N, C-alpha and C. Protein backbone atom coordinates (compact mmCIF):
# COMPACT_ATOMS: atom_id res chain seq x y z
N UNK A 1 9.08 37.29 18.04
CA UNK A 1 8.94 35.87 18.27
C UNK A 1 9.66 35.11 17.15
N UNK A 2 10.46 34.15 17.52
CA UNK A 2 11.22 33.37 16.54
C UNK A 2 10.31 32.34 15.87
N UNK A 3 10.56 32.10 14.61
CA UNK A 3 9.81 31.08 13.88
C UNK A 3 10.38 29.70 14.19
N UNK A 4 9.49 28.71 14.25
CA UNK A 4 9.94 27.35 14.48
C UNK A 4 10.57 26.81 13.20
N UNK A 5 11.62 26.05 13.37
CA UNK A 5 12.25 25.42 12.22
C UNK A 5 11.42 24.21 11.81
N UNK A 6 11.24 24.05 10.53
CA UNK A 6 10.50 22.90 10.02
C UNK A 6 11.48 21.84 9.57
N UNK A 7 11.08 20.59 9.75
CA UNK A 7 11.95 19.50 9.33
C UNK A 7 12.01 19.44 7.80
N UNK A 8 12.99 18.71 7.30
CA UNK A 8 13.13 18.55 5.86
C UNK A 8 11.93 17.80 5.27
N UNK A 9 11.26 17.01 6.10
CA UNK A 9 10.13 16.21 5.62
C UNK A 9 8.79 16.91 5.80
N UNK A 10 8.83 18.19 6.16
CA UNK A 10 7.59 18.95 6.35
C UNK A 10 6.76 18.95 5.06
N UNK A 11 5.52 18.56 5.16
CA UNK A 11 4.62 18.56 4.02
C UNK A 11 4.56 17.26 3.24
N UNK A 12 5.44 16.31 3.55
CA UNK A 12 5.44 15.04 2.82
C UNK A 12 4.10 14.33 2.92
N UNK A 13 3.59 14.17 4.12
CA UNK A 13 2.33 13.45 4.30
C UNK A 13 1.16 14.23 3.71
N UNK A 14 1.22 15.54 3.72
CA UNK A 14 0.11 16.31 3.15
C UNK A 14 -0.01 16.04 1.65
N UNK A 15 1.11 15.88 0.97
CA UNK A 15 1.06 15.53 -0.46
C UNK A 15 0.41 14.17 -0.66
N UNK A 16 0.73 13.22 0.21
CA UNK A 16 0.13 11.88 0.12
C UNK A 16 -1.37 11.97 0.37
N UNK A 17 -1.78 12.67 1.41
CA UNK A 17 -3.19 12.80 1.75
C UNK A 17 -3.95 13.51 0.62
N UNK A 18 -3.40 14.58 0.09
CA UNK A 18 -4.05 15.30 -1.01
C UNK A 18 -4.24 14.38 -2.21
N UNK A 19 -3.23 13.60 -2.52
CA UNK A 19 -3.30 12.68 -3.65
C UNK A 19 -4.37 11.62 -3.44
N UNK A 20 -4.40 11.01 -2.25
CA UNK A 20 -5.32 9.91 -2.00
C UNK A 20 -6.78 10.35 -1.94
N UNK A 21 -7.03 11.47 -1.29
CA UNK A 21 -8.41 11.88 -1.07
C UNK A 21 -8.93 12.86 -2.13
N UNK A 22 -8.19 13.03 -3.20
CA UNK A 22 -8.64 13.95 -4.26
C UNK A 22 -9.97 13.51 -4.85
N UNK A 23 -10.14 12.20 -5.07
CA UNK A 23 -11.36 11.69 -5.69
C UNK A 23 -12.03 10.56 -4.92
N UNK A 24 -11.55 10.26 -3.73
CA UNK A 24 -12.12 9.14 -2.97
C UNK A 24 -12.37 9.54 -1.52
N UNK A 25 -13.59 9.33 -1.02
CA UNK A 25 -13.88 9.68 0.37
C UNK A 25 -13.32 8.67 1.38
N UNK A 26 -13.04 7.45 0.93
CA UNK A 26 -12.50 6.39 1.80
C UNK A 26 -11.35 5.73 1.07
N UNK A 27 -10.25 5.50 1.78
CA UNK A 27 -9.11 4.79 1.19
C UNK A 27 -8.69 3.65 2.11
N UNK A 28 -8.04 2.69 1.54
CA UNK A 28 -7.52 1.54 2.28
C UNK A 28 -6.10 1.84 2.78
N UNK A 29 -5.73 1.22 3.89
CA UNK A 29 -4.38 1.42 4.43
C UNK A 29 -3.32 1.05 3.41
N UNK A 30 -3.54 -0.02 2.65
CA UNK A 30 -2.56 -0.44 1.64
C UNK A 30 -2.33 0.67 0.61
N UNK A 31 -3.40 1.37 0.22
CA UNK A 31 -3.26 2.48 -0.71
C UNK A 31 -2.39 3.59 -0.13
N UNK A 32 -2.55 3.84 1.17
CA UNK A 32 -1.75 4.88 1.84
C UNK A 32 -0.29 4.45 1.89
N UNK A 33 -0.06 3.18 2.21
CA UNK A 33 1.32 2.67 2.28
C UNK A 33 1.99 2.78 0.91
N UNK A 34 1.28 2.37 -0.13
CA UNK A 34 1.86 2.44 -1.48
C UNK A 34 2.11 3.88 -1.91
N UNK A 35 1.18 4.77 -1.59
CA UNK A 35 1.37 6.18 -1.95
C UNK A 35 2.55 6.77 -1.19
N UNK A 36 2.70 6.42 0.09
CA UNK A 36 3.82 6.92 0.88
C UNK A 36 5.15 6.46 0.29
N UNK A 37 5.18 5.21 -0.16
CA UNK A 37 6.40 4.71 -0.80
C UNK A 37 6.65 5.40 -2.14
N UNK A 38 5.58 5.62 -2.89
CA UNK A 38 5.70 6.29 -4.19
C UNK A 38 6.21 7.71 -4.04
N UNK A 39 5.70 8.42 -3.03
CA UNK A 39 6.13 9.79 -2.78
C UNK A 39 7.43 9.86 -1.99
N UNK A 40 7.98 8.68 -1.68
CA UNK A 40 9.28 8.57 -0.99
C UNK A 40 9.31 9.35 0.32
N UNK A 41 8.29 9.13 1.16
CA UNK A 41 8.28 9.80 2.46
C UNK A 41 9.32 9.18 3.37
N UNK A 42 9.73 9.92 4.36
CA UNK A 42 10.81 9.45 5.25
C UNK A 42 10.36 8.23 6.07
N UNK A 43 11.30 7.51 6.60
CA UNK A 43 11.03 6.27 7.33
C UNK A 43 10.12 6.49 8.53
N UNK A 44 10.29 7.59 9.25
CA UNK A 44 9.44 7.87 10.41
C UNK A 44 7.98 8.00 9.99
N UNK A 45 7.73 8.66 8.88
CA UNK A 45 6.36 8.82 8.39
C UNK A 45 5.78 7.48 7.92
N UNK A 46 6.61 6.65 7.29
CA UNK A 46 6.12 5.33 6.86
C UNK A 46 5.73 4.48 8.05
N UNK A 47 6.45 4.59 9.16
CA UNK A 47 6.08 3.85 10.37
C UNK A 47 4.71 4.29 10.86
N UNK A 48 4.43 5.57 10.80
CA UNK A 48 3.12 6.09 11.22
C UNK A 48 2.03 5.58 10.29
N UNK A 49 2.29 5.58 9.00
CA UNK A 49 1.32 5.10 8.02
C UNK A 49 0.94 3.65 8.30
N UNK A 50 1.90 2.85 8.67
CA UNK A 50 1.63 1.43 8.93
C UNK A 50 0.76 1.22 10.16
N UNK A 51 0.61 2.22 11.00
CA UNK A 51 -0.24 2.12 12.19
C UNK A 51 -1.68 2.57 11.93
N UNK A 52 -1.98 3.03 10.73
CA UNK A 52 -3.33 3.49 10.42
C UNK A 52 -4.32 2.33 10.44
N UNK A 53 -5.60 2.63 10.67
CA UNK A 53 -6.63 1.58 10.60
C UNK A 53 -6.80 1.11 9.16
N UNK A 54 -7.45 -0.05 8.95
CA UNK A 54 -7.59 -0.61 7.61
C UNK A 54 -8.30 0.29 6.60
N UNK A 55 -9.28 1.05 7.04
CA UNK A 55 -10.00 1.96 6.14
C UNK A 55 -9.98 3.35 6.76
N UNK A 56 -9.72 4.35 5.93
CA UNK A 56 -9.64 5.73 6.42
C UNK A 56 -10.64 6.57 5.65
N UNK A 57 -11.44 7.30 6.40
CA UNK A 57 -12.46 8.19 5.83
C UNK A 57 -11.92 9.61 5.80
N UNK A 58 -12.08 10.28 4.68
CA UNK A 58 -11.60 11.65 4.54
C UNK A 58 -12.28 12.57 5.54
N UNK A 59 -13.54 12.37 5.81
CA UNK A 59 -14.27 13.27 6.69
C UNK A 59 -13.74 13.25 8.12
N UNK A 60 -13.05 12.20 8.51
CA UNK A 60 -12.47 12.14 9.86
C UNK A 60 -11.36 13.16 10.04
N UNK A 61 -10.71 13.53 8.95
CA UNK A 61 -9.56 14.42 9.04
C UNK A 61 -9.83 15.79 8.43
N UNK A 62 -11.05 16.03 8.01
CA UNK A 62 -11.38 17.33 7.41
C UNK A 62 -11.43 18.41 8.47
N UNK A 63 -11.13 19.62 8.07
CA UNK A 63 -11.20 20.77 8.99
C UNK A 63 -12.65 21.01 9.37
N UNK A 64 -12.82 21.38 10.62
CA UNK A 64 -14.19 21.64 11.10
C UNK A 64 -14.38 23.09 11.33
């Protein structure tokens, strides 16, 4: 079975999420936007970040 090719931006958002939720269970959308800009994520990812709700809870995205 062939492996799927990963984009050059693979893992960019995971770094942002790890950074934001390291010490905070809830973050504001503005914090996510600023972190995405700081980590220089690609334009497509920044568009997705701007669509997030105003407050984001870490537990919503935790593995179950």
